[in-house]
């Protein structure tokens, strides 16, 4: 993590939503990337799942885990989806 803290929104789905009790978090973070933010939130909320189990999206677009974050971005951590 690096840089000053900035406001971010974090959209949570499925198991993350159930575990935290929220579908949207508003946070202030110095996380530079979704990877940094996931690690921060994983520690804070004690998520037992590895990052590799999720995909990251910023502002409704899938992205790499090293995608740079900017103030007011909305970050989503999307779990595996099963269809049927």
PDB file of N, CA and C in Angstrom:
ATOM      1  N   UNK A   1       0.841  -1.174   0.000  1.00  0.00           N
ATOM      2  CA  UNK A   1       0.000   0.000   0.000  1.00  0.00           C
ATOM      3  C   UNK A   1       0.885   1.234   0.000  1.00  0.00           C
ATOM      4  N   UNK A   2       0.373   2.252  -0.673  1.00  0.00           N
ATOM      5  CA  UNK A   2       1.139   3.488  -0.689  1.00  0.00           C
ATOM      6  C   UNK A   2       0.216   4.646  -1.007  1.00  0.00           C
ATOM      7  N   UNK A   3       0.713   5.849  -0.753  1.00  0.00           N
ATOM      8  CA  UNK A   3      -0.054   7.041  -1.068  1.00  0.00           C
ATOM      9  C   UNK A   3      -1.017   7.415   0.037  1.00  0.00           C
ATOM     10  N   UNK A   4      -1.676   8.544  -0.144  1.00  0.00           N
ATOM     11  CA  UNK A   4      -2.620   9.019   0.873  1.00  0.00           C
ATOM     12  C   UNK A   4      -3.916   8.209   0.853  1.00  0.00           C
ATOM     13  N   UNK A   5      -4.604   8.222   1.969  1.00  0.00           N
ATOM     14  CA  UNK A   5      -5.910   7.564   2.014  1.00  0.00           C
ATOM     15  C   UNK A   5      -6.894   8.331   1.155  1.00  0.00           C
ATOM     16  N   UNK A   6      -7.800   7.580   0.520  1.00  0.00           N
ATOM     17  CA  UNK A   6      -8.846   8.200  -0.295  1.00  0.00           C
ATOM     18  C   UNK A   6     -10.116   7.382  -0.150  1.00  0.00           C
ATOM     19  N   UNK A   7     -11.258   7.992  -0.448  1.00  0.00           N
ATOM     20  CA  UNK A   7     -12.514   7.257  -0.320  1.00  0.00           C
ATOM     21  C   UNK A   7     -12.687   6.245  -1.454  1.00  0.00           C
ATOM     22  N   UNK A   8     -13.152   5.064  -1.089  1.00  0.00           N
ATOM     23  CA  UNK A   8     -13.463   4.000  -2.043  1.00  0.00           C
ATOM     24  C   UNK A   8     -14.767   3.347  -1.609  1.00  0.00           C
ATOM     25  N   UNK A   9     -15.494   2.818  -2.574  1.00  0.00           N
ATOM     26  CA  UNK A   9     -16.670   2.000  -2.282  1.00  0.00           C
ATOM     27  C   UNK A   9     -16.311   0.566  -2.647  1.00  0.00           C
ATOM     28  N   UNK A  10     -16.748  -0.354  -1.817  1.00  0.00           N
ATOM     29  CA  UNK A  10     -16.456  -1.767  -2.056  1.00  0.00           C
ATOM     30  C   UNK A  10     -17.772  -2.525  -2.097  1.00  0.00           C
ATOM     31  N   UNK A  11     -18.076  -3.101  -3.241  1.00  0.00           N
ATOM     32  CA  UNK A  11     -19.299  -3.880  -3.436  1.00  0.00           C
ATOM     33  C   UNK A  11     -18.980  -5.337  -3.108  1.00  0.00           C
ATOM     34  N   UNK A  12     -19.792  -5.930  -2.235  1.00  0.00           N
ATOM     35  CA  UNK A  12     -19.573  -7.306  -1.800  1.00  0.00           C
ATOM     36  C   UNK A  12     -20.729  -8.187  -2.238  1.00  0.00           C
ATOM     37  N   UNK A  13     -20.396  -9.383  -2.669  1.00  0.00           N
ATOM     38  CA  UNK A  13     -21.396 -10.337  -3.140  1.00  0.00           C
ATOM     39  C   UNK A  13     -21.269 -11.648  -2.373  1.00  0.00           C
ATOM     40  N   UNK A  14     -22.371 -12.385  -2.359  1.00  0.00           N
ATOM     41  CA  UNK A  14     -22.437 -13.764  -1.863  1.00  0.00           C
ATOM     42  C   UNK A  14     -21.765 -13.917  -0.501  1.00  0.00           C
ATOM     43  N   UNK A  15     -20.741 -14.768  -0.424  1.00  0.00           N
ATOM     44  CA  UNK A  15     -20.130 -15.105   0.865  1.00  0.00           C
ATOM     45  C   UNK A  15     -19.513 -13.904   1.568  1.00  0.00           C
ATOM     46  N   UNK A  16     -18.951 -12.952   0.818  1.00  0.00           N
ATOM     47  CA  UNK A  16     -18.377 -11.767   1.460  1.00  0.00           C
ATOM     48  C   UNK A  16     -19.477 -10.895   2.062  1.00  0.00           C
ATOM     49  N   UNK A  17     -20.576 -10.765   1.357  1.00  0.00           N
ATOM     50  CA  UNK A  17     -21.715 -10.000   1.862  1.00  0.00           C
ATOM     51  C   UNK A  17     -22.267 -10.660   3.130  1.00  0.00           C
ATOM     52  N   UNK A  18     -22.428 -11.969   3.085  1.00  0.00           N
ATOM     53  CA  UNK A  18     -22.954 -12.688   4.243  1.00  0.00           C
ATOM     54  C   UNK A  18     -22.004 -12.601   5.436  1.00  0.00           C
ATOM     55  N   UNK A  19     -20.714 -12.691   5.166  1.00  0.00           N
ATOM     56  CA  UNK A  19     -19.717 -12.676   6.240  1.00  0.00           C
ATOM     57  C   UNK A  19     -19.635 -11.301   6.919  1.00  0.00           C
ATOM     58  N   UNK A  20     -19.729 -10.231   6.143  1.00  0.00           N
ATOM     59  CA  UNK A  20     -19.597  -8.879   6.706  1.00  0.00           C
ATOM     60  C   UNK A  20     -20.939  -8.292   7.118  1.00  0.00           C
ATOM     61  N   UNK A  21     -22.031  -8.797   6.532  1.00  0.00           N
ATOM     62  CA  UNK A  21     -23.345  -8.239   6.812  1.00  0.00           C
ATOM     63  C   UNK A  21     -23.637  -6.973   6.021  1.00  0.00           C
ATOM     64  N   UNK A  22     -22.836  -6.704   4.995  1.00  0.00           N
ATOM     65  CA  UNK A  22     -23.018  -5.506   4.162  1.00  0.00           C
ATOM     66  C   UNK A  22     -22.828  -5.858   2.696  1.00  0.00           C
ATOM     67  N   UNK A  23     -23.588  -5.201   1.832  1.00  0.00           N
ATOM     68  CA  UNK A  23     -23.354  -5.381   0.401  1.00  0.00           C
ATOM     69  C   UNK A  23     -22.515  -4.239  -0.173  1.00  0.00           C
ATOM     70  N   UNK A  24     -22.373  -3.148   0.581  1.00  0.00           N
ATOM     71  CA  UNK A  24     -21.551  -2.026   0.138  1.00  0.00           C
ATOM     72  C   UNK A  24     -20.831  -1.428   1.346  1.00  0.00           C
ATOM     73  N   UNK A  25     -19.528  -1.320   1.228  1.00  0.00           N
ATOM     74  CA  UNK A  25     -18.721  -0.670   2.255  1.00  0.00           C
ATOM     75  C   UNK A  25     -18.173   0.625   1.686  1.00  0.00           C
ATOM     76  N   UNK A  26     -18.174   1.666   2.478  1.00  0.00           N
ATOM     77  CA  UNK A  26     -17.495   2.903   2.123  1.00  0.00           C
ATOM     78  C   UNK A  26     -16.285   2.984   3.034  1.00  0.00           C
ATOM     79  N   UNK A  27     -15.108   3.004   2.437  1.00  0.00           N
ATOM     80  CA  UNK A  27     -13.875   2.965   3.225  1.00  0.00           C
ATOM     81  C   UNK A  27     -12.950   4.103   2.816  1.00  0.00           C
ATOM     82  N   UNK A  28     -12.015   4.407   3.680  1.00  0.00           N
ATOM     83  CA  UNK A  28     -10.887   5.278   3.363  1.00  0.00           C
ATOM     84  C   UNK A  28      -9.674   4.376   3.404  1.00  0.00           C
ATOM     85  N   UNK A  29      -8.928   4.351   2.313  1.00  0.00           N
ATOM     86  CA  UNK A  29      -7.816   3.417   2.220  1.00  0.00           C
ATOM     87  C   UNK A  29      -6.676   4.018   1.411  1.00  0.00           C
ATOM     88  N   UNK A  30      -5.472   3.604   1.746  1.00  0.00           N
ATOM     89  CA  UNK A  30      -4.290   3.962   0.968  1.00  0.00           C
ATOM     90  C   UNK A  30      -3.937   2.847  -0.009  1.00  0.00           C
ATOM     91  N   UNK A  31      -4.805   1.836  -0.125  1.00  0.00           N
ATOM     92  CA  UNK A  31      -4.549   0.718  -1.039  1.00  0.00           C
ATOM     93  C   UNK A  31      -4.338   1.247  -2.454  1.00  0.00           C
ATOM     94  N   UNK A  32      -3.270   0.810  -3.082  1.00  0.00           N
ATOM     95  CA  UNK A  32      -2.954   1.263  -4.431  1.00  0.00           C
ATOM     96  C   UNK A  32      -3.637   0.422  -5.504  1.00  0.00           C
ATOM     97  N   UNK A  33      -4.005  -0.801  -5.142  1.00  0.00           N
ATOM     98  CA  UNK A  33      -4.564  -1.746  -6.109  1.00  0.00           C
ATOM     99  C   UNK A  33      -5.684  -2.561  -5.457  1.00  0.00           C
ATOM    100  N   UNK A  34      -6.504  -3.254  -6.267  1.00  0.00           N
ATOM    101  CA  UNK A  34      -7.485  -4.168  -5.680  1.00  0.00           C
ATOM    102  C   UNK A  34      -6.824  -5.243  -4.808  1.00  0.00           C
ATOM    103  N   UNK A  35      -5.637  -5.693  -5.192  1.00  0.00           N
ATOM    104  CA  UNK A  35      -4.911  -6.672  -4.398  1.00  0.00           C
ATOM    105  C   UNK A  35      -4.634  -6.138  -2.993  1.00  0.00           C
ATOM    106  N   UNK A  36      -4.134  -4.911  -2.915  1.00  0.00           N
ATOM    107  CA  UNK A  36      -3.868  -4.283  -1.614  1.00  0.00           C
ATOM    108  C   UNK A  36      -5.158  -4.130  -0.804  1.00  0.00           C
ATOM    109  N   UNK A  37      -6.225  -3.704  -1.479  1.00  0.00           N
ATOM    110  CA  UNK A  37      -7.492  -3.484  -0.796  1.00  0.00           C
ATOM    111  C   UNK A  37      -8.070  -4.796  -0.285  1.00  0.00           C
ATOM    112  N   UNK A  38      -7.992  -5.850  -1.093  1.00  0.00           N
ATOM    113  CA  UNK A  38      -8.494  -7.151  -0.656  1.00  0.00           C
ATOM    114  C   UNK A  38      -7.740  -7.597   0.596  1.00  0.00           C
ATOM    115  N   UNK A  39      -6.408  -7.477   0.593  1.00  0.00           N
ATOM    116  CA  UNK A  39      -5.600  -7.885   1.743  1.00  0.00           C
ATOM    117  C   UNK A  39      -5.991  -7.088   2.988  1.00  0.00           C
ATOM    118  N   UNK A  40      -6.203  -5.796   2.823  1.00  0.00           N
ATOM    119  CA  UNK A  40      -6.600  -4.933   3.943  1.00  0.00           C
ATOM    120  C   UNK A  40      -7.947  -5.371   4.520  1.00  0.00           C
ATOM    121  N   UNK A  41      -8.920  -5.567   3.640  1.00  0.00           N
ATOM    122  CA  UNK A  41     -10.253  -5.948   4.095  1.00  0.00           C
ATOM    123  C   UNK A  41     -10.290  -7.384   4.611  1.00  0.00           C
ATOM    124  N   UNK A  42      -9.497  -8.254   4.016  1.00  0.00           N
ATOM    125  CA  UNK A  42      -9.431  -9.639   4.468  1.00  0.00           C
ATOM    126  C   UNK A  42      -8.950  -9.696   5.917  1.00  0.00           C
ATOM    127  N   UNK A  43      -7.954  -8.896   6.226  1.00  0.00           N
ATOM    128  CA  UNK A  43      -7.450  -8.858   7.597  1.00  0.00           C
ATOM    129  C   UNK A  43      -8.467  -8.204   8.536  1.00  0.00           C
ATOM    130  N   UNK A  44      -9.039  -7.099   8.111  1.00  0.00           N
ATOM    131  CA  UNK A  44      -9.986  -6.351   8.940  1.00  0.00           C
ATOM    132  C   UNK A  44     -11.237  -7.166   9.265  1.00  0.00           C
ATOM    133  N   UNK A  45     -11.761  -7.875   8.262  1.00  0.00           N
ATOM    134  CA  UNK A  45     -13.023  -8.611   8.435  1.00  0.00           C
ATOM    135  C   UNK A  45     -12.826 -10.106   8.648  1.00  0.00           C
ATOM    136  N   UNK A  46     -11.577 -10.535   8.671  1.00  0.00           N
ATOM    137  CA  UNK A  46     -11.234 -11.948   8.887  1.00  0.00           C
ATOM    138  C   UNK A  46     -11.877 -12.873   7.850  1.00  0.00           C
ATOM    139  N   UNK A  47     -11.760 -12.464   6.593  1.00  0.00           N
ATOM    140  CA  UNK A  47     -12.269 -13.330   5.525  1.00  0.00           C
ATOM    141  C   UNK A  47     -11.385 -14.564   5.440  1.00  0.00           C
ATOM    142  N   UNK A  48     -11.962 -15.752   5.475  1.00  0.00           N
ATOM    143  CA  UNK A  48     -11.148 -16.968   5.433  1.00  0.00           C
ATOM    144  C   UNK A  48     -10.784 -17.429   4.015  1.00  0.00           C
ATOM    145  N   UNK A  49     -11.291 -16.760   2.996  1.00  0.00           N
ATOM    146  CA  UNK A  49     -11.088 -17.213   1.627  1.00  0.00           C
ATOM    147  C   UNK A  49      -9.863 -16.559   0.995  1.00  0.00           C
ATOM    148  N   UNK A  50      -9.128 -17.307   0.189  1.00  0.00           N
ATOM    149  CA  UNK A  50      -7.964 -16.732  -0.484  1.00  0.00           C
ATOM    150  C   UNK A  50      -8.390 -15.806  -1.625  1.00  0.00           C
ATOM    151  N   UNK A  51      -7.568 -14.826  -1.888  1.00  0.00           N
ATOM    152  CA  UNK A  51      -7.842 -13.874  -2.966  1.00  0.00           C
ATOM    153  C   UNK A  51      -8.044 -14.599  -4.295  1.00  0.00           C
ATOM    154  N   UNK A  52      -7.324 -15.683  -4.503  1.00  0.00           N
ATOM    155  CA  UNK A  52      -7.407 -16.420  -5.766  1.00  0.00           C
ATOM    156  C   UNK A  52      -8.815 -16.951  -6.046  1.00  0.00           C
ATOM    157  N   UNK A  53      -9.678 -16.959  -5.043  1.00  0.00           N
ATOM    158  CA  UNK A  53     -11.055 -17.429  -5.225  1.00  0.00           C
ATOM    159  C   UNK A  53     -11.964 -16.371  -5.836  1.00  0.00           C
ATOM    160  N   UNK A  54     -11.447 -15.160  -6.068  1.00  0.00           N
ATOM    161  CA  UNK A  54     -12.270 -14.036  -6.511  1.00  0.00           C
ATOM    162  C   UNK A  54     -11.693 -13.381  -7.759  1.00  0.00           C
ATOM    163  N   UNK A  55     -12.552 -12.621  -8.414  1.00  0.00           N
ATOM    164  CA  UNK A  55     -12.120 -11.716  -9.488  1.00  0.00           C
ATOM    165  C   UNK A  55     -12.342 -10.307  -8.996  1.00  0.00           C
ATOM    166  N   UNK A  56     -11.528  -9.405  -9.476  1.00  0.00           N
ATOM    167  CA  UNK A  56     -11.669  -7.998  -9.104  1.00  0.00           C
ATOM    168  C   UNK A  56     -12.294  -7.231 -10.265  1.00  0.00           C
ATOM    169  N   UNK A  57     -13.080  -6.234  -9.913  1.00  0.00           N
ATOM    170  CA  UNK A  57     -13.636  -5.304 -10.900  1.00  0.00           C
ATOM    171  C   UNK A  57     -13.547  -3.906 -10.305  1.00  0.00           C
ATOM    172  N   UNK A  58     -13.248  -2.944 -11.144  1.00  0.00           N
ATOM    173  CA  UNK A  58     -13.234  -1.542 -10.734  1.00  0.00           C
ATOM    174  C   UNK A  58     -14.202  -0.794 -11.636  1.00  0.00           C
ATOM    175  N   UNK A  59     -15.142  -0.116 -11.014  1.00  0.00           N
ATOM    176  CA  UNK A  59     -16.162   0.639 -11.743  1.00  0.00           C
ATOM    177  C   UNK A  59     -16.872  -0.228 -12.782  1.00  0.00           C
ATOM    178  N   UNK A  60     -17.267  -1.426 -12.336  1.00  0.00           N
ATOM    179  CA  UNK A  60     -18.061  -2.378 -13.131  1.00  0.00           C
ATOM    180  C   UNK A  60     -17.315  -2.996 -14.309  1.00  0.00           C
ATOM    181  N   UNK A  61     -15.981  -2.975 -14.271  1.00  0.00           N
ATOM    182  CA  UNK A  61     -15.192  -3.636 -15.324  1.00  0.00           C
ATOM    183  C   UNK A  61     -14.178  -4.564 -14.674  1.00  0.00           C
ATOM    184  N   UNK A  62     -14.168  -5.823 -15.137  1.00  0.00           N
ATOM    185  CA  UNK A  62     -13.152  -6.734 -14.632  1.00  0.00           C
ATOM    186  C   UNK A  62     -11.775  -6.124 -14.884  1.00  0.00           C
ATOM    187  N   UNK A  63     -10.858  -6.362 -13.955  1.00  0.00           N
ATOM    188  CA  UNK A  63      -9.520  -5.787 -14.096  1.00  0.00           C
ATOM    189  C   UNK A  63      -8.504  -6.729 -13.464  1.00  0.00           C
ATOM    190  N   UNK A  64      -7.244  -6.429 -13.713  1.00  0.00           N
ATOM    191  CA  UNK A  64      -6.148  -7.163 -13.077  1.00  0.00           C
ATOM    192  C   UNK A  64      -6.063  -6.741 -11.612  1.00  0.00           C
ATOM    193  N   UNK A  65      -5.498  -7.603 -10.812  1.00  0.00           N
ATOM    194  CA  UNK A  65      -5.364  -7.306  -9.387  1.00  0.00           C
ATOM    195  C   UNK A  65      -4.409  -6.145  -9.125  1.00  0.00           C
ATOM    196  N   UNK A  66      -3.583  -5.785 -10.112  1.00  0.00           N
ATOM    197  CA  UNK A  66      -2.648  -4.667  -9.928  1.00  0.00           C
ATOM    198  C   UNK A  66      -3.145  -3.372 -10.585  1.00  0.00           C
ATOM    199  N   UNK A  67      -4.416  -3.319 -10.943  1.00  0.00           N
ATOM    200  CA  UNK A  67      -5.018  -2.121 -11.536  1.00  0.00           C
ATOM    201  C   UNK A  67      -4.941  -0.965 -10.529  1.00  0.00           C
ATOM    202  N   UNK A  68      -4.476   0.207 -10.942  1.00  0.00           N
ATOM    203  CA  UNK A  68      -4.392   1.324  -9.983  1.00  0.00           C
ATOM    204  C   UNK A  68      -5.768   1.829  -9.554  1.00  0.00           C
ATOM    205  N   UNK A  69      -5.896   2.114  -8.266  1.00  0.00           N
ATOM    206  CA  UNK A  69      -7.139   2.652  -7.723  1.00  0.00           C
ATOM    207  C   UNK A  69      -7.047   4.162  -7.589  1.00  0.00           C
ATOM    208  N   UNK A  70      -8.196   4.817  -7.818  1.00  0.00           N
ATOM    209  CA  UNK A  70      -8.303   6.268  -7.666  1.00  0.00           C
ATOM    210  C   UNK A  70      -9.419   6.586  -6.679  1.00  0.00           C
ATOM    211  N   UNK A  71      -9.399   7.795  -6.160  1.00  0.00           N
ATOM    212  CA  UNK A  71     -10.443   8.233  -5.236  1.00  0.00           C
ATOM    213  C   UNK A  71     -11.818   8.013  -5.859  1.00  0.00           C
ATOM    214  N   UNK A  72     -12.735   7.556  -5.062  1.00  0.00           N
ATOM    215  CA  UNK A  72     -14.140   7.343  -5.418  1.00  0.00           C
ATOM    216  C   UNK A  72     -14.382   6.178  -6.371  1.00  0.00           C
ATOM    217  N   UNK A  73     -13.375   5.330  -6.616  1.00  0.00           N
ATOM    218  CA  UNK A  73     -13.608   4.118  -7.397  1.00  0.00           C
ATOM    219  C   UNK A  73     -14.542   3.188  -6.624  1.00  0.00           C
ATOM    220  N   UNK A  74     -15.298   2.382  -7.378  1.00  0.00           N
ATOM    221  CA  UNK A  74     -16.075   1.306  -6.773  1.00  0.00           C
ATOM    222  C   UNK A  74     -15.407  -0.004  -7.145  1.00  0.00           C
ATOM    223  N   UNK A  75     -14.978  -0.720  -6.138  1.00  0.00           N
ATOM    224  CA  UNK A  75     -14.263  -1.991  -6.321  1.00  0.00           C
ATOM    225  C   UNK A  75     -15.200  -3.126  -5.936  1.00  0.00           C
ATOM    226  N   UNK A  76     -15.243  -4.142  -6.779  1.00  0.00           N
ATOM    227  CA  UNK A  76     -16.057  -5.332  -6.481  1.00  0.00           C
ATOM    228  C   UNK A  76     -15.145  -6.544  -6.409  1.00  0.00           C
ATOM    229  N   UNK A  77     -15.418  -7.401  -5.448  1.00  0.00           N
ATOM    230  CA  UNK A  77     -14.733  -8.687  -5.354  1.00  0.00           C
ATOM    231  C   UNK A  77     -15.785  -9.748  -5.638  1.00  0.00           C
ATOM    232  N   UNK A  78     -15.620 -10.403  -6.773  1.00  0.00           N
ATOM    233  CA  UNK A  78     -16.663 -11.284  -7.296  1.00  0.00           C
ATOM    234  C   UNK A  78     -16.249 -12.741  -7.104  1.00  0.00           C
ATOM    235  N   UNK A  79     -17.072 -13.498  -6.353  1.00  0.00           N
ATOM    236  CA  UNK A  79     -16.754 -14.902  -6.092  1.00  0.00           C
ATOM    237  C   UNK A  79     -17.085 -15.769  -7.304  1.00  0.00           C
ATOM    238  N   UNK A  80     -16.653 -17.025  -7.267  1.00  0.00           N
ATOM    239  CA  UNK A  80     -17.009 -17.944  -8.350  1.00  0.00           C
ATOM    240  C   UNK A  80     -18.525 -18.042  -8.469  1.00  0.00           C
ATOM    241  N   UNK A  81     -18.988 -18.184  -9.679  1.00  0.00           N
ATOM    242  CA  UNK A  81     -20.422 -18.265  -9.934  1.00  0.00           C
ATOM    243  C   UNK A  81     -20.712 -19.612 -10.583  1.00  0.00           C
ATOM    244  N   UNK A  82     -21.735 -20.267 -10.089  1.00  0.00           N
ATOM    245  CA  UNK A  82     -22.166 -21.558 -10.673  1.00  0.00           C
ATOM    246  C   UNK A  82     -23.494 -21.338 -11.377  1.00  0.00           C
ATOM    247  N   UNK A  83     -23.626 -21.952 -12.506  1.00  0.00           N
ATOM    248  CA  UNK A  83     -24.892 -21.843 -13.252  1.00  0.00           C
ATOM    249  C   UNK A  83     -25.591 -23.190 -13.253  1.00  0.00           C
ATOM    250  N   UNK A  84     -26.788 -23.165 -13.753  1.00  0.00           N
ATOM    251  CA  UNK A  84     -27.465 -24.438 -13.758  1.00  0.00           C
ATOM    252  C   UNK A  84     -28.641 -24.463 -14.643  1.00  0.00           C
TER     253      UNK A  84
END
